[in-house]
């Protein structure tokens, strides 16, 4: 009888924790993996957007630092690799 009561308490808690894992943690891990793949595949010449909203073309990549060229005056800006939000598109030419 004590075992049945214990199962009635533990089983619902385990199901709730399992459901939370599937709904919250797995999608976050998938998103992080996709973002990491995007950051690792960056190449010179690609147009990118930073977390701060700056749009520019990658002109140089060194380890975790990326130099982008932005604006009409072609200002050069140094940003960290983790600050790249997304790739707008590879720039032609």
PDB file of N, CA and C in Angstrom:
ATOM      1  N   UNK A   1       0.809  -1.191   0.000  1.00  0.00           N
ATOM      2  CA  UNK A   1       0.000   0.000   0.000  1.00  0.00           C
ATOM      3  C   UNK A   1       0.856   1.260   0.000  1.00  0.00           C
ATOM      4  N   UNK A   2       1.936   1.241   0.742  1.00  0.00           N
ATOM      5  CA  UNK A   2       2.832   2.397   0.790  1.00  0.00           C
ATOM      6  C   UNK A   2       3.506   2.609  -0.565  1.00  0.00           C
ATOM      7  N   UNK A   3       3.779   1.507  -1.262  1.00  0.00           N
ATOM      8  CA  UNK A   3       4.405   1.596  -2.584  1.00  0.00           C
ATOM      9  C   UNK A   3       3.451   2.236  -3.581  1.00  0.00           C
ATOM     10  N   UNK A   4       2.199   1.879  -3.518  1.00  0.00           N
ATOM     11  CA  UNK A   4       1.204   2.436  -4.428  1.00  0.00           C
ATOM     12  C   UNK A   4       1.043   3.936  -4.198  1.00  0.00           C
ATOM     13  N   UNK A   5       1.071   4.363  -2.954  1.00  0.00           N
ATOM     14  CA  UNK A   5       0.955   5.790  -2.637  1.00  0.00           C
ATOM     15  C   UNK A   5       2.182   6.548  -3.143  1.00  0.00           C
ATOM     16  N   UNK A   6       3.341   5.934  -3.000  1.00  0.00           N
ATOM     17  CA  UNK A   6       4.573   6.555  -3.472  1.00  0.00           C
ATOM     18  C   UNK A   6       4.567   6.695  -4.987  1.00  0.00           C
ATOM     19  N   UNK A   7       4.103   5.673  -5.688  1.00  0.00           N
ATOM     20  CA  UNK A   7       4.010   5.708  -7.144  1.00  0.00           C
ATOM     21  C   UNK A   7       3.037   6.798  -7.583  1.00  0.00           C
ATOM     22  N   UNK A   8       1.933   6.949  -6.863  1.00  0.00           N
ATOM     23  CA  UNK A   8       0.955   7.977  -7.205  1.00  0.00           C
ATOM     24  C   UNK A   8       1.522   9.375  -7.032  1.00  0.00           C
ATOM     25  N   UNK A   9       2.485   9.560  -6.161  1.00  0.00           N
ATOM     26  CA  UNK A   9       3.112  10.865  -5.973  1.00  0.00           C
ATOM     27  C   UNK A   9       4.262  11.111  -6.946  1.00  0.00           C
ATOM     28  N   UNK A  10       5.079  10.109  -7.157  1.00  0.00           N
ATOM     29  CA  UNK A  10       6.289  10.273  -7.955  1.00  0.00           C
ATOM     30  C   UNK A  10       6.004  10.262  -9.460  1.00  0.00           C
ATOM     31  N   UNK A  11       5.125   9.407  -9.909  1.00  0.00           N
ATOM     32  CA  UNK A  11       4.846   9.274 -11.336  1.00  0.00           C
ATOM     33  C   UNK A  11       4.367  10.580 -11.987  1.00  0.00           C
ATOM     34  N   UNK A  12       3.401  11.286 -11.410  1.00  0.00           N
ATOM     35  CA  UNK A  12       2.993  12.556 -12.024  1.00  0.00           C
ATOM     36  C   UNK A  12       4.118  13.599 -12.048  1.00  0.00           C
ATOM     37  N   UNK A  13       4.925  13.639 -10.994  1.00  0.00           N
ATOM     38  CA  UNK A  13       6.049  14.583 -10.949  1.00  0.00           C
ATOM     39  C   UNK A  13       7.061  14.252 -12.042  1.00  0.00           C
ATOM     40  N   UNK A  14       7.342  12.970 -12.228  1.00  0.00           N
ATOM     41  CA  UNK A  14       8.289  12.557 -13.263  1.00  0.00           C
ATOM     42  C   UNK A  14       7.749  12.894 -14.651  1.00  0.00           C
ATOM     43  N   UNK A  15       6.460  12.696 -14.860  1.00  0.00           N
ATOM     44  CA  UNK A  15       5.854  13.031 -16.151  1.00  0.00           C
ATOM     45  C   UNK A  15       5.911  14.526 -16.420  1.00  0.00           C
ATOM     46  N   UNK A  16       5.669  15.330 -15.414  1.00  0.00           N
ATOM     47  CA  UNK A  16       5.736  16.793 -15.573  1.00  0.00           C
ATOM     48  C   UNK A  16       7.162  17.230 -15.896  1.00  0.00           C
ATOM     49  N   UNK A  17       8.141  16.687 -15.185  1.00  0.00           N
ATOM     50  CA  UNK A  17       9.541  17.032 -15.453  1.00  0.00           C
ATOM     51  C   UNK A  17       9.957  16.594 -16.854  1.00  0.00           C
ATOM     52  N   UNK A  18       9.523  15.417 -17.264  1.00  0.00           N
ATOM     53  CA  UNK A  18       9.835  14.942 -18.615  1.00  0.00           C
ATOM     54  C   UNK A  18       9.214  15.818 -19.676  1.00  0.00           C
ATOM     55  N   UNK A  19       7.991  16.231 -19.473  1.00  0.00           N
ATOM     56  CA  UNK A  19       7.307  17.112 -20.418  1.00  0.00           C
ATOM     57  C   UNK A  19       7.989  18.473 -20.495  1.00  0.00           C
ATOM     58  N   UNK A  20       8.398  19.007 -19.357  1.00  0.00           N
ATOM     59  CA  UNK A  20       9.107  20.288 -19.347  1.00  0.00           C
ATOM     60  C   UNK A  20      10.428  20.183 -20.108  1.00  0.00           C
ATOM     61  N   UNK A  21      11.131  19.079 -19.935  1.00  0.00           N
ATOM     62  CA  UNK A  21      12.391  18.880 -20.642  1.00  0.00           C
ATOM     63  C   UNK A  21      12.166  18.885 -22.154  1.00  0.00           C
ATOM     64  N   UNK A  22      11.153  18.154 -22.584  1.00  0.00           N
ATOM     65  CA  UNK A  22      10.880  18.051 -24.021  1.00  0.00           C
ATOM     66  C   UNK A  22      10.421  19.388 -24.589  1.00  0.00           C
ATOM     67  N   UNK A  23       9.638  20.142 -23.842  1.00  0.00           N
ATOM     68  CA  UNK A  23       9.070  21.385 -24.360  1.00  0.00           C
ATOM     69  C   UNK A  23       9.997  22.587 -24.218  1.00  0.00           C
ATOM     70  N   UNK A  24      10.875  22.597 -23.231  1.00  0.00           N
ATOM     71  CA  UNK A  24      11.697  23.777 -22.977  1.00  0.00           C
ATOM     72  C   UNK A  24      13.171  23.587 -23.306  1.00  0.00           C
ATOM     73  N   UNK A  25      13.753  22.531 -22.858  1.00  0.00           N
ATOM     74  CA  UNK A  25      15.201  22.386 -22.962  1.00  0.00           C
ATOM     75  C   UNK A  25      15.631  21.913 -24.346  1.00  0.00           C
ATOM     76  N   UNK A  26      14.965  20.930 -24.920  1.00  0.00           N
ATOM     77  CA  UNK A  26      15.352  20.428 -26.240  1.00  0.00           C
ATOM     78  C   UNK A  26      15.285  21.497 -27.340  1.00  0.00           C
ATOM     79  N   UNK A  27      14.224  22.291 -27.435  1.00  0.00           N
ATOM     80  CA  UNK A  27      14.209  23.332 -28.464  1.00  0.00           C
ATOM     81  C   UNK A  27      15.316  24.373 -28.271  1.00  0.00           C
ATOM     82  N   UNK A  28      15.627  24.705 -27.022  1.00  0.00           N
ATOM     83  CA  UNK A  28      16.695  25.671 -26.762  1.00  0.00           C
ATOM     84  C   UNK A  28      18.042  25.114 -27.208  1.00  0.00           C
ATOM     85  N   UNK A  29      18.304  23.847 -26.931  1.00  0.00           N
ATOM     86  CA  UNK A  29      19.561  23.230 -27.362  1.00  0.00           C
ATOM     87  C   UNK A  29      19.658  23.201 -28.882  1.00  0.00           C
ATOM     88  N   UNK A  30      18.540  22.926 -29.557  1.00  0.00           N
ATOM     89  CA  UNK A  30      18.527  22.892 -31.012  1.00  0.00           C
ATOM     90  C   UNK A  30      18.821  24.278 -31.585  1.00  0.00           C
ATOM     91  N   UNK A  31      18.242  25.311 -30.980  1.00  0.00           N
ATOM     92  CA  UNK A  31      18.474  26.679 -31.435  1.00  0.00           C
ATOM     93  C   UNK A  31      19.939  27.078 -31.221  1.00  0.00           C
ATOM     94  N   UNK A  32      20.512  26.727 -30.068  1.00  0.00           N
ATOM     95  CA  UNK A  32      21.907  27.041 -29.781  1.00  0.00           C
ATOM     96  C   UNK A  32      22.843  26.342 -30.765  1.00  0.00           C
ATOM     97  N   UNK A  33      22.541  25.103 -31.119  1.00  0.00           N
ATOM     98  CA  UNK A  33      23.363  24.356 -32.066  1.00  0.00           C
ATOM     99  C   UNK A  33      23.327  25.020 -33.442  1.00  0.00           C
ATOM    100  N   UNK A  34      22.140  25.444 -33.876  1.00  0.00           N
ATOM    101  CA  UNK A  34      21.992  26.107 -35.169  1.00  0.00           C
ATOM    102  C   UNK A  34      22.757  27.433 -35.194  1.00  0.00           C
ATOM    103  N   UNK A  35      22.670  28.202 -34.110  1.00  0.00           N
ATOM    104  CA  UNK A  35      23.388  29.472 -34.015  1.00  0.00           C
ATOM    105  C   UNK A  35      24.890  29.248 -34.049  1.00  0.00           C
ATOM    106  N   UNK A  36      25.377  28.239 -33.337  1.00  0.00           N
ATOM    107  CA  UNK A  36      26.808  27.944 -33.315  1.00  0.00           C
ATOM    108  C   UNK A  36      27.303  27.537 -34.700  1.00  0.00           C
ATOM    109  N   UNK A  37      26.514  26.760 -35.435  1.00  0.00           N
ATOM    110  CA  UNK A  37      26.888  26.384 -36.794  1.00  0.00           C
ATOM    111  C   UNK A  37      26.986  27.618 -37.687  1.00  0.00           C
ATOM    112  N   UNK A  38      26.038  28.555 -37.534  1.00  0.00           N
ATOM    113  CA  UNK A  38      26.054  29.778 -38.321  1.00  0.00           C
ATOM    114  C   UNK A  38      27.299  30.602 -38.002  1.00  0.00           C
ATOM    115  N   UNK A  39      27.643  30.721 -36.721  1.00  0.00           N
ATOM    116  CA  UNK A  39      28.815  31.510 -36.333  1.00  0.00           C
ATOM    117  C   UNK A  39      30.105  30.865 -36.824  1.00  0.00           C
ATOM    118  N   UNK A  40      30.173  29.553 -36.837  1.00  0.00           N
ATOM    119  CA  UNK A  40      31.376  28.863 -37.295  1.00  0.00           C
ATOM    120  C   UNK A  40      31.539  28.907 -38.808  1.00  0.00           C
ATOM    121  N   UNK A  41      30.458  29.144 -39.539  1.00  0.00           N
ATOM    122  CA  UNK A  41      30.537  29.131 -41.003  1.00  0.00           C
ATOM    123  C   UNK A  41      30.685  30.518 -41.608  1.00  0.00           C
ATOM    124  N   UNK A  42      30.857  31.556 -40.785  1.00  0.00           N
ATOM    125  CA  UNK A  42      30.992  32.914 -41.318  1.00  0.00           C
ATOM    126  C   UNK A  42      32.211  33.020 -42.225  1.00  0.00           C
ATOM    127  N   UNK A  43      32.057  33.799 -43.294  1.00  0.00           N
ATOM    128  CA  UNK A  43      33.150  33.978 -44.246  1.00  0.00           C
ATOM    129  C   UNK A  43      33.273  35.452 -44.620  1.00  0.00           C
ATOM    130  N   UNK A  44      34.475  35.826 -45.025  1.00  0.00           N
ATOM    131  CA  UNK A  44      34.721  37.189 -45.487  1.00  0.00           C
ATOM    132  C   UNK A  44      33.844  37.468 -46.704  1.00  0.00           C
ATOM    133  N   UNK A  45      33.231  38.649 -46.715  1.00  0.00           N
ATOM    134  CA  UNK A  45      32.379  39.048 -47.825  1.00  0.00           C
ATOM    135  C   UNK A  45      30.894  38.899 -47.543  1.00  0.00           C
ATOM    136  N   UNK A  46      30.543  38.211 -46.471  1.00  0.00           N
ATOM    137  CA  UNK A  46      29.134  38.022 -46.142  1.00  0.00           C
ATOM    138  C   UNK A  46      28.604  39.247 -45.409  1.00  0.00           C
ATOM    139  N   UNK A  47      27.353  39.606 -45.677  1.00  0.00           N
ATOM    140  CA  UNK A  47      26.689  40.690 -44.955  1.00  0.00           C
ATOM    141  C   UNK A  47      26.062  40.100 -43.701  1.00  0.00           C
ATOM    142  N   UNK A  48      26.280  40.768 -42.576  1.00  0.00           N
ATOM    143  CA  UNK A  48      25.777  40.266 -41.300  1.00  0.00           C
ATOM    144  C   UNK A  48      25.084  41.393 -40.536  1.00  0.00           C
ATOM    145  N   UNK A  49      24.267  40.992 -39.561  1.00  0.00           N
ATOM    146  CA  UNK A  49      23.639  41.926 -38.636  1.00  0.00           C
ATOM    147  C   UNK A  49      24.115  41.571 -37.238  1.00  0.00           C
ATOM    148  N   UNK A  50      24.511  42.590 -36.471  1.00  0.00           N
ATOM    149  CA  UNK A  50      24.953  42.349 -35.100  1.00  0.00           C
ATOM    150  C   UNK A  50      23.760  42.402 -34.165  1.00  0.00           C
ATOM    151  N   UNK A  51      23.989  42.011 -32.926  1.00  0.00           N
ATOM    152  CA  UNK A  51      22.941  42.059 -31.914  1.00  0.00           C
ATOM    153  C   UNK A  51      22.461  43.496 -31.724  1.00  0.00           C
ATOM    154  N   UNK A  52      23.350  44.465 -31.888  1.00  0.00           N
ATOM    155  CA  UNK A  52      22.995  45.869 -31.727  1.00  0.00           C
ATOM    156  C   UNK A  52      22.306  46.476 -32.929  1.00  0.00           C
ATOM    157  N   UNK A  53      22.148  45.692 -34.002  1.00  0.00           N
ATOM    158  CA  UNK A  53      21.448  46.184 -35.179  1.00  0.00           C
ATOM    159  C   UNK A  53      22.338  46.762 -36.258  1.00  0.00           C
ATOM    160  N   UNK A  54      23.639  46.676 -36.114  1.00  0.00           N
ATOM    161  CA  UNK A  54      24.555  47.187 -37.133  1.00  0.00           C
ATOM    162  C   UNK A  54      24.634  46.168 -38.265  1.00  0.00           C
ATOM    163  N   UNK A  55      24.464  46.660 -39.489  1.00  0.00           N
ATOM    164  CA  UNK A  55      24.549  45.805 -40.671  1.00  0.00           C
ATOM    165  C   UNK A  55      25.828  46.171 -41.404  1.00  0.00           C
ATOM    166  N   UNK A  56      26.597  45.157 -41.763  1.00  0.00           N
ATOM    167  CA  UNK A  56      27.837  45.416 -42.472  1.00  0.00           C
ATOM    168  C   UNK A  56      28.354  44.165 -43.160  1.00  0.00           C
ATOM    169  N   UNK A  57      29.431  44.344 -43.909  1.00  0.00           N
ATOM    170  CA  UNK A  57      30.054  43.252 -44.639  1.00  0.00           C
ATOM    171  C   UNK A  57      31.310  42.835 -43.893  1.00  0.00           C
ATOM    172  N   UNK A  58      31.499  41.527 -43.736  1.00  0.00           N
ATOM    173  CA  UNK A  58      32.691  41.011 -43.057  1.00  0.00           C
ATOM    174  C   UNK A  58      33.902  41.265 -43.948  1.00  0.00           C
ATOM    175  N   UNK A  59      34.941  41.913 -43.373  1.00  0.00           N
ATOM    176  CA  UNK A  59      36.167  42.159 -44.141  1.00  0.00           C
ATOM    177  C   UNK A  59      37.360  41.376 -43.601  1.00  0.00           C
ATOM    178  N   UNK A  60      37.260  40.901 -42.344  1.00  0.00           N
ATOM    179  CA  UNK A  60      38.364  40.135 -41.776  1.00  0.00           C
ATOM    180  C   UNK A  60      37.848  39.338 -40.576  1.00  0.00           C
ATOM    181  N   UNK A  61      38.359  38.126 -40.419  1.00  0.00           N
ATOM    182  CA  UNK A  61      37.991  37.282 -39.280  1.00  0.00           C
ATOM    183  C   UNK A  61      39.273  36.810 -38.611  1.00  0.00           C
ATOM    184  N   UNK A  62      39.382  37.073 -37.303  1.00  0.00           N
ATOM    185  CA  UNK A  62      40.516  36.603 -36.509  1.00  0.00           C
ATOM    186  C   UNK A  62      39.975  35.977 -35.234  1.00  0.00           C
ATOM    187  N   UNK A  63      40.104  34.658 -35.126  1.00  0.00           N
ATOM    188  CA  UNK A  63      39.638  33.919 -33.949  1.00  0.00           C
ATOM    189  C   UNK A  63      38.199  34.279 -33.603  1.00  0.00           C
ATOM    190  N   UNK A  64      38.001  34.990 -32.469  1.00  0.00           N
ATOM    191  CA  UNK A  64      36.642  35.350 -32.065  1.00  0.00           C
ATOM    192  C   UNK A  64      36.316  36.817 -32.339  1.00  0.00           C
ATOM    193  N   UNK A  65      37.156  37.483 -33.129  1.00  0.00           N
ATOM    194  CA  UNK A  65      36.916  38.878 -33.491  1.00  0.00           C
ATOM    195  C   UNK A  65      36.644  38.993 -34.988  1.00  0.00           C
ATOM    196  N   UNK A  66      35.653  39.802 -35.320  1.00  0.00           N
ATOM    197  CA  UNK A  66      35.271  39.984 -36.716  1.00  0.00           C
ATOM    198  C   UNK A  66      35.257  41.470 -37.016  1.00  0.00           C
ATOM    199  N   UNK A  67      35.916  41.849 -38.093  1.00  0.00           N
ATOM    200  CA  UNK A  67      35.901  43.230 -38.548  1.00  0.00           C
ATOM    201  C   UNK A  67      34.843  43.351 -39.633  1.00  0.00           C
ATOM    202  N   UNK A  68      33.915  44.300 -39.418  1.00  0.00           N
ATOM    203  CA  UNK A  68      32.902  44.519 -40.441  1.00  0.00           C
ATOM    204  C   UNK A  68      33.017  45.945 -40.960  1.00  0.00           C
ATOM    205  N   UNK A  69      32.588  46.120 -42.181  1.00  0.00           N
ATOM    206  CA  UNK A  69      32.608  47.417 -42.848  1.00  0.00           C
ATOM    207  C   UNK A  69      31.150  47.847 -42.987  1.00  0.00           C
ATOM    208  N   UNK A  70      30.845  49.047 -42.500  1.00  0.00           N
ATOM    209  CA  UNK A  70      29.454  49.471 -42.468  1.00  0.00           C
ATOM    210  C   UNK A  70      29.316  50.919 -42.907  1.00  0.00           C
ATOM    211  N   UNK A  71      28.217  51.221 -43.558  1.00  0.00           N
ATOM    212  CA  UNK A  71      27.884  52.594 -43.926  1.00  0.00           C
ATOM    213  C   UNK A  71      28.512  53.048 -45.228  1.00  0.00           C
ATOM    214  N   UNK A  72      28.122  54.249 -45.641  1.00  0.00           N
ATOM    215  CA  UNK A  72      28.609  54.822 -46.891  1.00  0.00           C
ATOM    216  C   UNK A  72      30.095  55.131 -46.808  1.00  0.00           C
ATOM    217  N   UNK A  73      30.540  55.560 -45.629  1.00  0.00           N
ATOM    218  CA  UNK A  73      31.952  55.896 -45.441  1.00  0.00           C
ATOM    219  C   UNK A  73      32.821  54.672 -45.230  1.00  0.00           C
ATOM    220  N   UNK A  74      32.223  53.497 -45.255  1.00  0.00           N
ATOM    221  CA  UNK A  74      32.921  52.222 -45.065  1.00  0.00           C
ATOM    222  C   UNK A  74      33.706  52.200 -43.755  1.00  0.00           C
ATOM    223  N   UNK A  75      33.001  52.556 -42.680  1.00  0.00           N
ATOM    224  CA  UNK A  75      33.606  52.517 -41.351  1.00  0.00           C
ATOM    225  C   UNK A  75      33.890  51.085 -40.960  1.00  0.00           C
ATOM    226  N   UNK A  76      35.061  50.860 -40.388  1.00  0.00           N
ATOM    227  CA  UNK A  76      35.442  49.526 -39.950  1.00  0.00           C
ATOM    228  C   UNK A  76      35.128  49.392 -38.462  1.00  0.00           C
ATOM    229  N   UNK A  77      34.417  48.322 -38.113  1.00  0.00           N
ATOM    230  CA  UNK A  77      33.986  48.090 -36.738  1.00  0.00           C
ATOM    231  C   UNK A  77      34.448  46.700 -36.317  1.00  0.00           C
ATOM    232  N   UNK A  78      35.030  46.616 -35.127  1.00  0.00           N
ATOM    233  CA  UNK A  78      35.452  45.343 -34.564  1.00  0.00           C
ATOM    234  C   UNK A  78      34.357  44.841 -33.632  1.00  0.00           C
ATOM    235  N   UNK A  79      33.871  43.620 -33.878  1.00  0.00           N
ATOM    236  CA  UNK A  79      32.860  43.010 -33.017  1.00  0.00           C
ATOM    237  C   UNK A  79      33.310  41.599 -32.657  1.00  0.00           C
ATOM    238  N   UNK A  80      32.802  41.096 -31.564  1.00  0.00           N
ATOM    239  CA  UNK A  80      33.071  39.715 -31.183  1.00  0.00           C
ATOM    240  C   UNK A  80      32.176  38.792 -31.994  1.00  0.00           C
ATOM    241  N   UNK A  81      32.635  37.589 -32.210  1.00  0.00           N
ATOM    242  CA  UNK A  81      31.881  36.616 -33.009  1.00  0.00           C
ATOM    243  C   UNK A  81      30.496  36.360 -32.415  1.00  0.00           C
ATOM    244  N   UNK A  82      30.392  36.312 -31.086  1.00  0.00           N
ATOM    245  CA  UNK A  82      29.108  36.028 -30.449  1.00  0.00           C
ATOM    246  C   UNK A  82      28.105  37.156 -30.657  1.00  0.00           C
ATOM    247  N   UNK A  83      28.571  38.345 -31.082  1.00  0.00           N
ATOM    248  CA  UNK A  83      27.677  39.484 -31.277  1.00  0.00           C
ATOM    249  C   UNK A  83      26.987  39.469 -32.642  1.00  0.00           C
ATOM    250  N   UNK A  84      27.300  38.503 -33.481  1.00  0.00           N
ATOM    251  CA  UNK A  84      26.635  38.392 -34.778  1.00  0.00           C
ATOM    252  C   UNK A  84      25.291  37.716 -34.570  1.00  0.00           C
ATOM    253  N   UNK A  85      24.232  38.405 -34.979  1.00  0.00           N
ATOM    254  CA  UNK A  85      22.885  37.861 -34.797  1.00  0.00           C
ATOM    255  C   UNK A  85      22.495  36.953 -35.948  1.00  0.00           C
ATOM    256  N   UNK A  86      22.691  37.412 -37.174  1.00  0.00           N
ATOM    257  CA  UNK A  86      22.372  36.564 -38.314  1.00  0.00           C
ATOM    258  C   UNK A  86      23.090  37.040 -39.560  1.00  0.00           C
ATOM    259  N   UNK A  87      23.109  36.175 -40.550  1.00  0.00           N
ATOM    260  CA  UNK A  87      23.705  36.484 -41.838  1.00  0.00           C
ATOM    261  C   UNK A  87      22.581  36.999 -42.728  1.00  0.00           C
ATOM    262  N   UNK A  88      22.761  38.227 -43.236  1.00  0.00           N
ATOM    263  CA  UNK A  88      21.741  38.794 -44.103  1.00  0.00           C
ATOM    264  C   UNK A  88      21.741  38.048 -45.429  1.00  0.00           C
ATOM    265  N   UNK A  89      22.878  37.998 -46.071  1.00  0.00           N
ATOM    266  CA  UNK A  89      23.061  37.239 -47.309  1.00  0.00           C
ATOM    267  C   UNK A  89      24.528  37.363 -47.711  1.00  0.00           C
ATOM    268  N   UNK A  90      25.063  36.408 -48.420  1.00  0.00           N
ATOM    269  CA  UNK A  90      26.401  36.575 -48.969  1.00  0.00           C
ATOM    270  C   UNK A  90      26.380  37.676 -50.016  1.00  0.00           C
ATOM    271  N   UNK A  91      27.331  38.612 -49.933  1.00  0.00           N
ATOM    272  CA  UNK A  91      27.401  39.729 -50.867  1.00  0.00           C
ATOM    273  C   UNK A  91      28.059  39.279 -52.147  1.00  0.00           C
ATOM    274  N   UNK A  92      27.450  39.586 -53.274  1.00  0.00           N
ATOM    275  CA  UNK A  92      28.008  39.212 -54.576  1.00  0.00           C
ATOM    276  C   UNK A  92      29.135  40.160 -54.948  1.00  0.00           C
ATOM    277  N   UNK A  93      30.139  39.636 -55.644  1.00  0.00           N
ATOM    278  CA  UNK A  93      31.230  40.456 -56.147  1.00  0.00           C
ATOM    279  C   UNK A  93      32.252  40.663 -55.098  1.00  0.00           C
TER     280      UNK A  93
END
